């Protein structure tokens, strides 16, 4: 009888531990939210038509809640698209965006594009010429600005029509 109760407790404890592990793992996966994706060789920028996988140092992307993804060959085209969704993605709104990623110039890792900072007017050009160069750290952006003759550093929300016009 004692062994039977002890065995039940052990099974219950094991089951509880397993259930908690599954719960914590699931919570971590869902809390992480969307992940940046790697473009396939056939993925084209919806703004300029270039194959974006050829330019991994500049890849940017917008992910939508419906699971669709738009890849770009640089931040400039991502912003053209974002600022004119009705033209490039009819029926979609900014509220439909689940994530926006850009590639950090130094680390080449994907960053949350809404939180990144961007250098304009530098001597570094992207696949489509003048480009906004993204950074995860403001100190990196400041260093880049000095080293590459940049004009200004902007947050995502500070990029306006004048900044976009300067990239033409």
C-alpha atoms as a PDB file:
ATOM      1  CA  UNK A   1       0.000   0.000   0.000  1.00  0.00           C
ATOM      2  CA  UNK A   2       2.808   2.410   0.925  1.00  0.00           C
ATOM      3  CA  UNK A   3       4.606   1.651  -2.371  1.00  0.00           C
ATOM      4  CA  UNK A   4       1.415   2.208  -4.302  1.00  0.00           C
ATOM      5  CA  UNK A   5       0.877   5.696  -2.763  1.00  0.00           C
ATOM      6  CA  UNK A   6       4.523   6.560  -3.247  1.00  0.00           C
ATOM      7  CA  UNK A   7       4.375   5.428  -6.875  1.00  0.00           C
ATOM      8  CA  UNK A   8       1.244   7.541  -7.498  1.00  0.00           C
ATOM      9  CA  UNK A   9       2.905  10.606  -5.997  1.00  0.00           C
ATOM     10  CA  UNK A  10       5.948  10.086  -8.176  1.00  0.00           C
ATOM     11  CA  UNK A  11       3.791   9.723 -11.316  1.00  0.00           C
ATOM     12  CA  UNK A  12       1.788  12.834 -10.383  1.00  0.00           C
ATOM     13  CA  UNK A  13       4.964  14.785  -9.703  1.00  0.00           C
ATOM     14  CA  UNK A  14       6.444  13.652 -13.010  1.00  0.00           C
ATOM     15  CA  UNK A  15       3.231  14.558 -14.846  1.00  0.00           C
ATOM     16  CA  UNK A  16       3.101  17.989 -13.170  1.00  0.00           C
ATOM     17  CA  UNK A  17       6.747  18.643 -14.059  1.00  0.00           C
ATOM     18  CA  UNK A  18       6.160  17.622 -17.660  1.00  0.00           C
ATOM     19  CA  UNK A  19       3.022  19.779 -17.908  1.00  0.00           C
ATOM     20  CA  UNK A  20       4.849  22.800 -16.461  1.00  0.00           C
ATOM     21  CA  UNK A  21       7.764  22.321 -18.875  1.00  0.00           C
ATOM     22  CA  UNK A  22       5.414  22.186 -21.860  1.00  0.00           C
ATOM     23  CA  UNK A  23       3.555  25.263 -20.606  1.00  0.00           C
ATOM     24  CA  UNK A  24       6.740  27.284 -20.090  1.00  0.00           C
ATOM     25  CA  UNK A  25       8.152  26.266 -23.469  1.00  0.00           C
ATOM     26  CA  UNK A  26       4.889  27.206 -25.212  1.00  0.00           C
ATOM     27  CA  UNK A  27       4.726  30.525 -23.404  1.00  0.00           C
ATOM     28  CA  UNK A  28       8.288  31.352 -24.435  1.00  0.00           C
ATOM     29  CA  UNK A  29       7.584  30.508 -28.071  1.00  0.00           C
ATOM     30  CA  UNK A  30       4.399  32.591 -28.224  1.00  0.00           C
ATOM     31  CA  UNK A  31       5.849  35.483 -26.223  1.00  0.00           C
ATOM     32  CA  UNK A  32       8.678  35.802 -28.711  1.00  0.00           C
ATOM     33  CA  UNK A  33       6.161  36.708 -31.435  1.00  0.00           C
ATOM     34  CA  UNK A  34       7.065  36.759 -35.107  1.00  0.00           C
ATOM     35  CA  UNK A  35      10.598  35.963 -36.183  1.00  0.00           C
ATOM     36  CA  UNK A  36      12.457  37.550 -39.062  1.00  0.00           C
ATOM     37  CA  UNK A  37      12.472  35.351 -42.124  1.00  0.00           C
ATOM     38  CA  UNK A  38      15.145  34.819 -44.722  1.00  0.00           C
ATOM     39  CA  UNK A  39      14.084  35.686 -48.268  1.00  0.00           C
ATOM     40  CA  UNK A  40      14.107  32.927 -50.876  1.00  0.00           C
ATOM     41  CA  UNK A  41      16.010  33.366 -54.131  1.00  0.00           C
ATOM     42  CA  UNK A  42      12.738  34.144 -55.940  1.00  0.00           C
ATOM     43  CA  UNK A  43      11.513  36.867 -53.527  1.00  0.00           C
ATOM     44  CA  UNK A  44      11.288  40.266 -55.219  1.00  0.00           C
ATOM     45  CA  UNK A  45      10.974  43.731 -53.737  1.00  0.00           C
ATOM     46  CA  UNK A  46       7.385  44.862 -54.411  1.00  0.00           C
ATOM     47  CA  UNK A  47       8.585  48.448 -54.940  1.00  0.00           C
ATOM     48  CA  UNK A  48      11.471  48.079 -57.409  1.00  0.00           C
ATOM     49  CA  UNK A  49      11.274  44.436 -58.526  1.00  0.00           C
ATOM     50  CA  UNK A  50      14.836  43.475 -57.532  1.00  0.00           C
ATOM     51  CA  UNK A  51      15.570  40.005 -56.155  1.00  0.00           C
ATOM     52  CA  UNK A  52      16.241  40.784 -52.495  1.00  0.00           C
ATOM     53  CA  UNK A  53      18.225  37.664 -51.522  1.00  0.00           C
ATOM     54  CA  UNK A  54      21.109  39.012 -53.615  1.00  0.00           C
ATOM     55  CA  UNK A  55      21.509  41.842 -51.069  1.00  0.00           C
ATOM     56  CA  UNK A  56      21.502  40.179 -47.624  1.00  0.00           C
ATOM     57  CA  UNK A  57      23.293  43.130 -45.991  1.00  0.00           C
ATOM     58  CA  UNK A  58      20.308  45.380 -46.735  1.00  0.00           C
ATOM     59  CA  UNK A  59      17.289  43.031 -46.544  1.00  0.00           C
ATOM     60  CA  UNK A  60      14.220  44.402 -44.797  1.00  0.00           C
ATOM     61  CA  UNK A  61      10.761  42.913 -44.372  1.00  0.00           C
ATOM     62  CA  UNK A  62       7.218  43.568 -43.302  1.00  0.00           C
ATOM     63  CA  UNK A  63       5.190  40.697 -41.861  1.00  0.00           C
ATOM     64  CA  UNK A  64       1.416  40.863 -41.767  1.00  0.00           C
ATOM     65  CA  UNK A  65      -0.992  39.261 -39.319  1.00  0.00           C
ATOM     66  CA  UNK A  66      -2.400  37.090 -42.129  1.00  0.00           C
ATOM     67  CA  UNK A  67       1.035  35.435 -42.497  1.00  0.00           C
ATOM     68  CA  UNK A  68       2.054  37.213 -45.693  1.00  0.00           C
ATOM     69  CA  UNK A  69       5.501  38.808 -45.926  1.00  0.00           C
ATOM     70  CA  UNK A  70       6.939  41.532 -48.145  1.00  0.00           C
ATOM     71  CA  UNK A  71      10.733  41.563 -48.568  1.00  0.00           C
ATOM     72  CA  UNK A  72      12.728  44.620 -49.623  1.00  0.00           C
ATOM     73  CA  UNK A  73      16.241  45.286 -50.904  1.00  0.00           C
ATOM     74  CA  UNK A  74      16.626  48.144 -48.431  1.00  0.00           C
ATOM     75  CA  UNK A  75      14.960  50.413 -45.901  1.00  0.00           C
ATOM     76  CA  UNK A  76      14.176  53.070 -48.507  1.00  0.00           C
ATOM     77  CA  UNK A  77      11.874  50.740 -50.468  1.00  0.00           C
ATOM     78  CA  UNK A  78      10.386  49.327 -47.251  1.00  0.00           C
ATOM     79  CA  UNK A  79       9.434  52.880 -46.264  1.00  0.00           C
ATOM     80  CA  UNK A  80       7.980  53.690 -49.679  1.00  0.00           C
ATOM     81  CA  UNK A  81       5.799  50.601 -49.310  1.00  0.00           C
ATOM     82  CA  UNK A  82       4.904  51.273 -45.668  1.00  0.00           C
ATOM     83  CA  UNK A  83       4.013  54.894 -46.348  1.00  0.00           C
ATOM     84  CA  UNK A  84       1.792  53.943 -49.298  1.00  0.00           C
ATOM     85  CA  UNK A  85       0.202  50.601 -48.396  1.00  0.00           C
ATOM     86  CA  UNK A  86      -2.903  51.389 -50.426  1.00  0.00           C
ATOM     87  CA  UNK A  87      -0.761  51.404 -53.588  1.00  0.00           C
ATOM     88  CA  UNK A  88       1.539  48.459 -52.879  1.00  0.00           C
ATOM     89  CA  UNK A  89      -0.708  46.262 -50.705  1.00  0.00           C
ATOM     90  CA  UNK A  90      -4.321  47.164 -51.456  1.00  0.00           C
ATOM     91  CA  UNK A  91      -6.661  46.225 -48.631  1.00  0.00           C
ATOM     92  CA  UNK A  92      -3.930  46.205 -45.982  1.00  0.00           C
ATOM     93  CA  UNK A  93      -3.438  48.823 -43.292  1.00  0.00           C
ATOM     94  CA  UNK A  94      -0.632  49.623 -40.868  1.00  0.00           C
ATOM     95  CA  UNK A  95      -2.692  47.883 -38.165  1.00  0.00           C
ATOM     96  CA  UNK A  96      -2.334  44.645 -40.161  1.00  0.00           C
ATOM     97  CA  UNK A  97       1.456  44.651 -39.684  1.00  0.00           C
ATOM     98  CA  UNK A  98       2.697  42.175 -37.094  1.00  0.00           C
ATOM     99  CA  UNK A  99       6.430  42.925 -37.476  1.00  0.00           C
ATOM    100  CA  UNK A 100       8.856  45.080 -39.403  1.00  0.00           C
ATOM    101  CA  UNK A 101      12.507  44.052 -39.628  1.00  0.00           C
ATOM    102  CA  UNK A 102      15.628  45.747 -40.972  1.00  0.00           C
ATOM    103  CA  UNK A 103      19.234  44.523 -41.099  1.00  0.00           C
ATOM    104  CA  UNK A 104      21.686  46.160 -38.679  1.00  0.00           C
ATOM    105  CA  UNK A 105      24.584  47.532 -40.718  1.00  0.00           C
ATOM    106  CA  UNK A 106      27.322  46.320 -38.374  1.00  0.00           C
ATOM    107  CA  UNK A 107      26.020  43.048 -36.935  1.00  0.00           C
ATOM    108  CA  UNK A 108      23.972  42.030 -40.021  1.00  0.00           C
ATOM    109  CA  UNK A 109      21.266  40.805 -37.631  1.00  0.00           C
ATOM    110  CA  UNK A 110      17.604  41.554 -38.043  1.00  0.00           C
ATOM    111  CA  UNK A 111      16.272  44.354 -35.831  1.00  0.00           C
ATOM    112  CA  UNK A 112      12.805  45.558 -34.987  1.00  0.00           C
ATOM    113  CA  UNK A 113      12.505  48.294 -37.593  1.00  0.00           C
ATOM    114  CA  UNK A 114      10.192  50.356 -35.396  1.00  0.00           C
ATOM    115  CA  UNK A 115      12.901  50.557 -32.701  1.00  0.00           C
ATOM    116  CA  UNK A 116      15.988  50.957 -34.912  1.00  0.00           C
ATOM    117  CA  UNK A 117      17.705  54.247 -35.642  1.00  0.00           C
ATOM    118  CA  UNK A 118      18.653  55.269 -39.168  1.00  0.00           C
ATOM    119  CA  UNK A 119      21.482  57.321 -40.643  1.00  0.00           C
ATOM    120  CA  UNK A 120      20.796  59.359 -43.755  1.00  0.00           C
ATOM    121  CA  UNK A 121      23.128  61.094 -46.178  1.00  0.00           C
ATOM    122  CA  UNK A 122      26.146  58.813 -45.752  1.00  0.00           C
ATOM    123  CA  UNK A 123      28.666  57.712 -48.366  1.00  0.00           C
ATOM    124  CA  UNK A 124      27.356  54.125 -48.079  1.00  0.00           C
ATOM    125  CA  UNK A 125      24.903  53.201 -50.810  1.00  0.00           C
ATOM    126  CA  UNK A 126      22.409  50.350 -50.908  1.00  0.00           C
ATOM    127  CA  UNK A 127      21.288  48.325 -53.929  1.00  0.00           C
ATOM    128  CA  UNK A 128      19.039  51.224 -55.023  1.00  0.00           C
ATOM    129  CA  UNK A 129      21.512  54.035 -54.341  1.00  0.00           C
ATOM    130  CA  UNK A 130      21.071  56.461 -51.444  1.00  0.00           C
ATOM    131  CA  UNK A 131      19.818  54.591 -48.405  1.00  0.00           C
ATOM    132  CA  UNK A 132      18.811  54.908 -44.781  1.00  0.00           C
ATOM    133  CA  UNK A 133      21.304  52.758 -42.880  1.00  0.00           C
ATOM    134  CA  UNK A 134      19.793  50.982 -39.830  1.00  0.00           C
ATOM    135  CA  UNK A 135      21.344  50.365 -36.416  1.00  0.00           C
ATOM    136  CA  UNK A 136      20.155  48.764 -33.206  1.00  0.00           C
ATOM    137  CA  UNK A 137      22.326  51.018 -31.026  1.00  0.00           C
ATOM    138  CA  UNK A 138      22.395  54.794 -31.247  1.00  0.00           C
ATOM    139  CA  UNK A 139      26.120  54.736 -30.397  1.00  0.00           C
ATOM    140  CA  UNK A 140      26.748  52.611 -33.520  1.00  0.00           C
ATOM    141  CA  UNK A 141      24.695  55.042 -35.597  1.00  0.00           C
ATOM    142  CA  UNK A 142      26.723  57.987 -34.220  1.00  0.00           C
ATOM    143  CA  UNK A 143      30.008  56.241 -35.007  1.00  0.00           C
ATOM    144  CA  UNK A 144      28.810  55.398 -38.520  1.00  0.00           C
ATOM    145  CA  UNK A 145      27.596  58.983 -39.031  1.00  0.00           C
ATOM    146  CA  UNK A 146      31.091  60.299 -38.219  1.00  0.00           C
ATOM    147  CA  UNK A 147      32.959  57.641 -40.233  1.00  0.00           C
ATOM    148  CA  UNK A 148      30.749  57.806 -43.322  1.00  0.00           C
ATOM    149  CA  UNK A 149      29.872  61.494 -43.586  1.00  0.00           C
ATOM    150  CA  UNK A 150      26.253  60.984 -42.585  1.00  0.00           C
ATOM    151  CA  UNK A 151      23.908  63.949 -42.212  1.00  0.00           C
ATOM    152  CA  UNK A 152      21.454  62.908 -39.517  1.00  0.00           C
ATOM    153  CA  UNK A 153      20.118  60.108 -37.329  1.00  0.00           C
ATOM    154  CA  UNK A 154      16.392  59.414 -37.249  1.00  0.00           C
ATOM    155  CA  UNK A 155      14.038  57.156 -35.378  1.00  0.00           C
ATOM    156  CA  UNK A 156      11.483  55.289 -37.490  1.00  0.00           C
ATOM    157  CA  UNK A 157       8.750  57.783 -36.564  1.00  0.00           C
ATOM    158  CA  UNK A 158      10.943  60.784 -37.452  1.00  0.00           C
ATOM    159  CA  UNK A 159      11.389  59.750 -41.085  1.00  0.00           C
ATOM    160  CA  UNK A 160       9.191  62.178 -43.002  1.00  0.00           C
ATOM    161  CA  UNK A 161       8.638  63.291 -46.607  1.00  0.00           C
ATOM    162  CA  UNK A 162      11.722  65.528 -46.563  1.00  0.00           C
ATOM    163  CA  UNK A 163      13.949  62.644 -45.451  1.00  0.00           C
ATOM    164  CA  UNK A 164      12.473  60.397 -48.136  1.00  0.00           C
ATOM    165  CA  UNK A 165      12.955  63.122 -50.779  1.00  0.00           C
ATOM    166  CA  UNK A 166      16.648  63.393 -49.816  1.00  0.00           C
ATOM    167  CA  UNK A 167      17.092  59.742 -50.860  1.00  0.00           C
ATOM    168  CA  UNK A 168      16.012  60.303 -54.462  1.00  0.00           C
END
